[in-house]
Amino acid sequence: MADMGSPWAARGSGPAIVSRLYHGVVNGTFSVIIPTLQRSTLLEPLVAMYSAHPMVAEVLIINNAQKPLAFDDPKVRVFDQSQNLFVNPSWNLGVREARADRLIISNDDILFPPHVIDSVAARLGPHVGIVGPHTSCFGPRTRSRIWYTPTYERTTAYGTLMFMARADYTPIPERMKVWCGDDYLFYRQRGRNLALRGVTISSEMSVTAGAAEFRHQLHEDWAHYLADFTSERPYSRRYAREAQMVVRAIILRQWLRRSASLARAWIRPCLGGLRRIIGRSF
């Protein structure tokens, strides 16, 4: 049996057997990690949604507020903190305590349809890194089905909801407190990161991190990240050629669409003129 005692156990150390138990939790299920300052009105319904889902083994809430937090639910574990750990150290703590072999790292200010968990669970595999929402998920719904696209840059709101294997989590340097943790994880993946689309996510976006009291931390976190880690982006190097090919394909598709539009604009009057000529001839 592979040693799953460490949260940082390397992937591929043993066969994936769904029925195998690790600390009483079935592999193939999720540990959900939610840092909170208890400022979001969506926290309780969000926790209830996660807890009710059969693929969620546990919900770990890192309570960074001074007010105690309790849930009468055997799936929910609350870690009350004497002081605010901030987001990234809270993620690290949650992963250290996680029992399942898959993670959902979640904001406390979002809600989404629970069938998304089933869809992502089926998509995660040995060649997939992180699955996170595309920015379109936070606008009007445009499709009736869930779909996925490879993504090579961490986009806005990607870090609000991240699905990944526990073995693929890299501990975030804790001098980065609030921001850049999702960048750090995104650009260290071996598997291809995917953008989740076709889903509507309700959000009180940045109800906590966007508060004025944390703005100074934004500059400090970005300074640390830019100084120490922007040159360490193995994901970008690994998929550089593929990303270039995708960009070229998008440009080609846009050119073909414009060309087709121009062709239709030119052909239609020609056909109209031809019909008039034919009509006069008979």
Protein backbone atom coordinates (compact mmCIF):
# COMPACT_ATOMS: atom_id res chain seq x y z
CA MET A 1 0.00 0.00 0.00
CA ALA A 2 1.28 3.44 -0.89
CA ASP A 3 2.25 5.67 1.99
CA MET A 4 -0.51 8.26 2.15
CA GLY A 5 0.47 9.48 5.58
CA SER A 6 2.02 12.65 4.22
CA PRO A 7 -0.13 15.29 2.55
CA TRP A 8 2.73 15.80 0.10
CA ALA A 9 3.00 12.13 -0.93
CA ALA A 10 4.11 11.85 -4.56
CA ARG A 11 1.55 10.76 -7.11
CA GLY A 12 2.11 7.42 -8.74
CA SER A 13 3.46 5.66 -5.64
CA GLY A 14 0.78 2.98 -5.89
CA PRO A 15 -2.34 1.89 -7.76
CA ALA A 16 -5.51 3.94 -7.35
CA ILE A 17 -8.02 1.69 -5.60
CA VAL A 18 -11.26 3.54 -4.94
CA SER A 19 -12.34 1.19 -2.15
CA ARG A 20 -9.11 1.59 -0.15
CA LEU A 21 -9.52 3.46 3.12
CA TYR A 22 -7.20 6.15 4.48
CA HIS A 23 -8.02 7.13 8.06
CA GLY A 24 -11.58 5.92 7.43
CA VAL A 25 -12.04 8.01 4.26
CA VAL A 26 -12.61 6.42 0.86
CA ASN A 27 -10.10 7.35 -1.81
CA GLY A 28 -11.63 9.19 -4.75
CA THR A 29 -13.53 11.52 -2.42
CA PHE A 30 -12.83 15.15 -1.52
CA SER A 31 -11.70 17.07 1.51
CA VAL A 32 -13.11 20.59 1.25
CA ILE A 33 -11.01 23.41 2.71
CA ILE A 34 -12.70 26.74 3.48
CA PRO A 35 -10.89 29.60 5.25
CA THR A 36 -13.33 32.11 6.72
CA LEU A 37 -13.62 35.28 8.75
CA GLN A 38 -17.39 34.68 8.99
CA ARG A 39 -18.21 37.72 6.86
CA SER A 40 -20.06 35.93 4.08
CA THR A 41 -23.77 35.17 4.24
CA LEU A 42 -23.15 32.21 1.90
CA LEU A 43 -20.95 30.24 4.31
CA GLU A 44 -23.74 28.18 5.95
CA PRO A 45 -25.55 27.15 2.72
CA LEU A 46 -22.19 26.44 1.10
CA VAL A 47 -21.12 24.13 3.94
CA ALA A 48 -24.53 22.41 3.85
CA MET A 49 -24.18 21.81 0.09
CA TYR A 50 -20.71 20.32 0.47
CA SER A 51 -21.65 18.17 3.46
CA ALA A 52 -24.70 16.70 1.70
CA HIS A 53 -22.68 15.60 -1.33
CA PRO A 54 -21.75 11.89 -1.32
CA MET A 55 -18.31 12.54 -2.86
CA VAL A 56 -17.33 14.94 -0.06
CA ALA A 57 -15.70 13.06 2.80
CA GLU A 58 -15.21 16.07 5.07
CA VAL A 59 -15.42 19.85 5.22
CA LEU A 60 -12.51 21.57 6.97
CA ILE A 61 -13.26 25.13 8.02
CA ILE A 62 -10.31 27.27 9.07
CA ASN A 63 -11.99 29.83 11.30
CA ASN A 64 -9.82 32.95 11.34
CA ALA A 65 -12.43 35.03 13.16
CA GLN A 66 -12.30 35.65 16.88
CA LYS A 67 -15.88 34.37 17.20
CA PRO A 68 -16.16 30.59 17.66
CA LEU A 69 -17.86 28.65 14.89
CA ALA A 70 -19.73 25.37 15.26
CA PHE A 71 -21.64 23.05 12.93
CA ASP A 72 -23.74 20.14 14.16
CA ASP A 73 -22.51 17.89 11.38
CA PRO A 74 -20.13 14.91 11.66
CA LYS A 75 -18.58 15.74 8.29
CA VAL A 76 -17.56 19.24 9.35
CA ARG A 77 -14.36 19.96 11.27
CA VAL A 78 -13.72 23.51 12.47
CA PHE A 79 -10.21 24.73 13.29
CA ASP A 80 -10.61 27.85 15.44
CA GLN A 81 -7.56 30.10 15.34
CA SER A 82 -6.39 32.46 18.07
CA GLN A 83 -5.39 34.95 15.37
CA ASN A 84 -5.96 35.35 11.64
CA LEU A 85 -3.74 32.93 9.70
CA PHE A 86 -4.82 34.55 6.42
CA VAL A 87 -5.78 32.62 3.30
CA ASN A 88 -2.63 30.88 2.08
CA PRO A 89 -1.43 29.58 5.47
CA SER A 90 -5.03 28.42 6.06
CA TRP A 91 -4.91 26.40 2.84
CA ASN A 92 -1.64 24.83 3.99
CA LEU A 93 -3.17 23.92 7.36
CA GLY A 94 -6.26 22.47 5.72
CA VAL A 95 -4.23 20.27 3.39
CA ARG A 96 -2.07 19.01 6.26
CA GLU A 97 -5.24 17.96 8.08
CA ALA A 98 -7.06 16.59 5.02
CA ARG A 99 -7.89 12.88 4.98
CA ALA A 100 -9.20 12.40 1.44
CA ASP A 101 -6.96 12.05 -1.60
CA ARG A 102 -8.64 14.90 -3.48
CA LEU A 103 -9.12 18.52 -2.48
CA ILE A 104 -11.64 21.27 -3.05
CA ILE A 105 -10.14 24.60 -2.01
CA SER A 106 -13.10 26.91 -1.75
CA ASN A 107 -13.92 30.52 -0.98
CA ASP A 108 -16.57 30.99 1.68
CA ASP A 109 -18.53 33.46 -0.49
CA ILE A 110 -19.64 31.30 -3.43
CA LEU A 111 -22.47 28.90 -4.32
CA PHE A 112 -22.74 26.57 -7.29
CA PRO A 113 -24.79 23.53 -8.39
CA PRO A 114 -23.63 20.38 -6.55
CA HIS A 115 -23.50 18.28 -9.74
CA VAL A 116 -20.37 20.25 -10.65
CA ILE A 117 -18.50 18.13 -8.07
CA ASP A 118 -19.53 14.93 -9.86
CA SER A 119 -18.46 16.32 -13.22
CA VAL A 120 -15.04 17.48 -12.00
CA ALA A 121 -14.47 14.20 -10.12
CA ALA A 122 -14.91 12.33 -13.39
CA ARG A 123 -12.51 14.68 -15.18
CA LEU A 124 -9.68 14.66 -12.62
CA GLY A 125 -6.99 12.12 -13.43
CA PRO A 126 -3.23 11.55 -13.64
CA HIS A 127 -2.81 14.06 -16.49
CA VAL A 128 -4.88 16.86 -14.95
CA GLY A 129 -3.51 19.42 -12.51
CA ILE A 130 -6.03 21.92 -11.14
CA VAL A 131 -9.59 22.48 -12.31
CA GLY A 132 -10.87 25.98 -11.59
CA PRO A 133 -13.67 28.21 -12.88
CA HIS A 134 -13.37 30.30 -16.01
CA THR A 135 -14.30 33.96 -15.51
CA SER A 136 -17.46 33.36 -17.58
CA CYS A 137 -18.83 31.26 -14.68
CA PHE A 138 -19.43 34.49 -12.76
CA GLY A 139 -21.62 36.03 -15.47
CA PRO A 140 -24.85 35.06 -17.26
CA ARG A 141 -25.00 31.38 -18.16
CA THR A 142 -24.36 30.79 -21.85
CA ARG A 143 -24.46 26.98 -22.12
CA SER A 144 -26.63 24.23 -20.71
CA ARG A 145 -23.79 21.78 -20.10
CA ILE A 146 -20.44 21.70 -18.30
CA TRP A 147 -17.35 21.71 -20.46
CA TYR A 148 -13.60 22.14 -19.96
CA THR A 149 -10.75 23.81 -21.79
CA PRO A 150 -6.99 23.69 -21.13
CA THR A 151 -5.70 26.88 -19.56
CA TYR A 152 -2.11 28.10 -19.48
CA GLU A 153 -2.50 31.32 -17.48
CA ARG A 154 -4.14 31.74 -14.10
CA THR A 155 -7.18 33.91 -14.80
CA THR A 156 -9.33 36.11 -12.56
CA ALA A 157 -11.38 34.18 -9.98
CA TYR A 158 -9.65 30.85 -10.76
CA GLY A 159 -8.58 30.53 -7.14
CA THR A 160 -12.10 30.90 -5.75
CA LEU A 161 -12.79 27.19 -6.33
CA MET A 162 -9.94 24.78 -7.09
CA PHE A 163 -10.25 20.99 -7.47
CA MET A 164 -7.05 18.96 -7.38
CA ALA A 165 -5.33 15.81 -6.13
CA ARG A 166 -3.89 16.19 -2.62
CA ALA A 167 -0.58 14.82 -3.94
CA ASP A 168 -0.36 17.77 -6.35
CA TYR A 169 -0.60 20.42 -3.65
CA THR A 170 2.67 22.29 -3.06
CA PRO A 171 2.83 24.11 0.31
CA ILE A 172 2.64 27.87 -0.29
CA PRO A 173 5.42 29.96 1.28
CA GLU A 174 3.66 31.52 4.23
CA ARG A 175 5.14 34.96 3.79
CA MET A 176 2.52 35.28 1.04
CA LYS A 177 -0.55 35.68 3.23
CA VAL A 178 -3.62 36.50 1.10
CA TRP A 179 -2.76 36.80 -2.58
CA CYS A 180 -0.70 34.83 -5.12
CA GLY A 181 -1.31 31.43 -3.51
CA ASP A 182 -3.39 30.35 -6.50
CA ASP A 183 -0.63 31.53 -8.85
CA TYR A 184 1.93 29.55 -6.87
CA LEU A 185 -0.15 26.36 -7.11
CA PHE A 186 -1.21 26.88 -10.73
CA TYR A 187 2.32 27.25 -12.14
CA ARG A 188 3.69 24.24 -10.25
CA GLN A 189 1.37 21.63 -11.68
CA ARG A 190 2.67 18.68 -13.68
CA GLY A 191 -0.68 17.88 -15.22
CA ARG A 192 -2.60 20.18 -17.52
CA ASN A 193 -4.77 22.75 -15.73
CA LEU A 194 -8.36 23.03 -16.89
CA ALA A 195 -10.91 25.84 -16.91
CA LEU A 196 -14.42 24.88 -15.88
CA ARG A 197 -17.12 26.42 -18.11
CA GLY A 198 -20.87 26.27 -18.56
CA VAL A 199 -21.58 26.73 -14.84
CA THR A 200 -23.10 29.69 -13.02
CA ILE A 201 -21.37 30.49 -9.73
CA SER A 202 -23.07 32.94 -7.38
CA SER A 203 -20.60 35.01 -5.43
CA GLU A 204 -20.14 37.84 -2.97
CA MET A 205 -16.72 38.16 -4.59
CA SER A 206 -13.89 39.22 -2.25
CA VAL A 207 -16.25 40.02 0.60
CA THR A 208 -13.25 39.47 2.91
CA ALA A 209 -10.03 39.74 0.87
CA GLY A 210 -11.31 42.88 -0.84
CA ALA A 211 -11.68 44.73 2.46
CA ALA A 212 -9.58 47.85 2.94
CA GLU A 213 -7.73 46.32 5.90
CA PHE A 214 -6.05 43.79 3.57
CA ARG A 215 -5.00 46.13 0.76
CA HIS A 216 -1.52 46.65 2.16
CA GLN A 217 -1.06 42.88 2.13
CA LEU A 218 -1.75 42.84 -1.62
CA HIS A 219 1.40 44.85 -2.32
CA GLU A 220 3.52 42.77 0.07
CA ASP A 221 2.33 39.45 -1.37
CA TRP A 222 2.88 40.51 -4.97
CA ALA A 223 6.32 41.87 -4.08
CA HIS A 224 7.30 38.49 -2.58
CA TYR A 225 5.87 36.57 -5.51
CA LEU A 226 7.48 38.73 -8.20
CA ALA A 227 10.84 38.77 -6.43
CA ASP A 228 11.09 35.09 -5.61
CA PHE A 229 8.83 32.97 -7.76
CA THR A 230 7.98 34.41 -11.18
CA SER A 231 11.09 32.77 -12.65
CA GLU A 232 9.98 29.40 -11.22
CA ARG A 233 7.08 28.54 -13.48
CA PRO A 234 7.64 24.95 -14.60
CA TYR A 235 4.06 24.71 -15.84
CA SER A 236 4.61 27.55 -18.32
CA ARG A 237 7.82 25.94 -19.61
CA ARG A 238 6.26 22.49 -19.89
CA TYR A 239 3.27 23.67 -21.92
CA ALA A 240 4.82 26.65 -23.73
CA ARG A 241 4.66 25.07 -27.19
CA GLU A 242 1.11 23.80 -26.67
CA ALA A 243 -0.01 27.23 -25.45
CA GLN A 244 1.48 28.85 -28.56
CA MET A 245 -0.34 26.38 -30.79
CA VAL A 246 -3.63 27.12 -29.02
CA VAL A 247 -3.14 30.87 -29.46
CA ARG A 248 -2.42 30.38 -33.16
CA ALA A 249 -5.49 28.18 -33.54
CA ILE A 250 -7.66 30.84 -31.89
CA ILE A 251 -6.24 33.54 -34.18
CA LEU A 252 -6.85 31.32 -37.22
CA ARG A 253 -10.41 30.61 -36.13
CA GLN A 254 -11.10 34.32 -35.68
CA TRP A 255 -9.61 35.05 -39.11
CA LEU A 256 -11.73 32.35 -40.73
CA ARG A 257 -14.86 33.71 -39.08
CA ARG A 258 -14.12 37.24 -40.28
CA SER A 259 -13.32 35.93 -43.75
CA ALA A 260 -16.57 33.96 -43.85
CA SER A 261 -18.49 37.03 -42.74
CA LEU A 262 -16.86 39.16 -45.42
CA ALA A 263 -17.52 36.47 -48.03
CA ARG A 264 -21.20 36.32 -47.09
CA ALA A 265 -21.43 40.12 -47.23
CA TRP A 266 -19.94 40.05 -50.76
CA ILE A 267 -21.76 36.97 -52.09
CA ARG A 268 -25.26 38.00 -51.03
CA PRO A 269 -25.52 41.12 -53.26
CA CYS A 270 -23.91 39.17 -56.11
CA LEU A 271 -26.55 36.45 -55.80
CA GLY A 272 -29.27 39.08 -55.64
CA GLY A 273 -27.99 40.68 -58.82
CA LEU A 274 -27.74 37.29 -60.51
CA ARG A 275 -31.35 36.48 -59.62
CA ARG A 276 -32.51 39.78 -61.11
CA ILE A 277 -30.60 39.12 -64.32
CA ILE A 278 -31.99 35.58 -64.56
CA GLY A 279 -35.49 36.90 -63.87
CA ARG A 280 -35.27 39.38 -66.74
CA SER A 281 -33.99 36.69 -69.10
CA PHE A 282 -37.04 34.45 -68.79
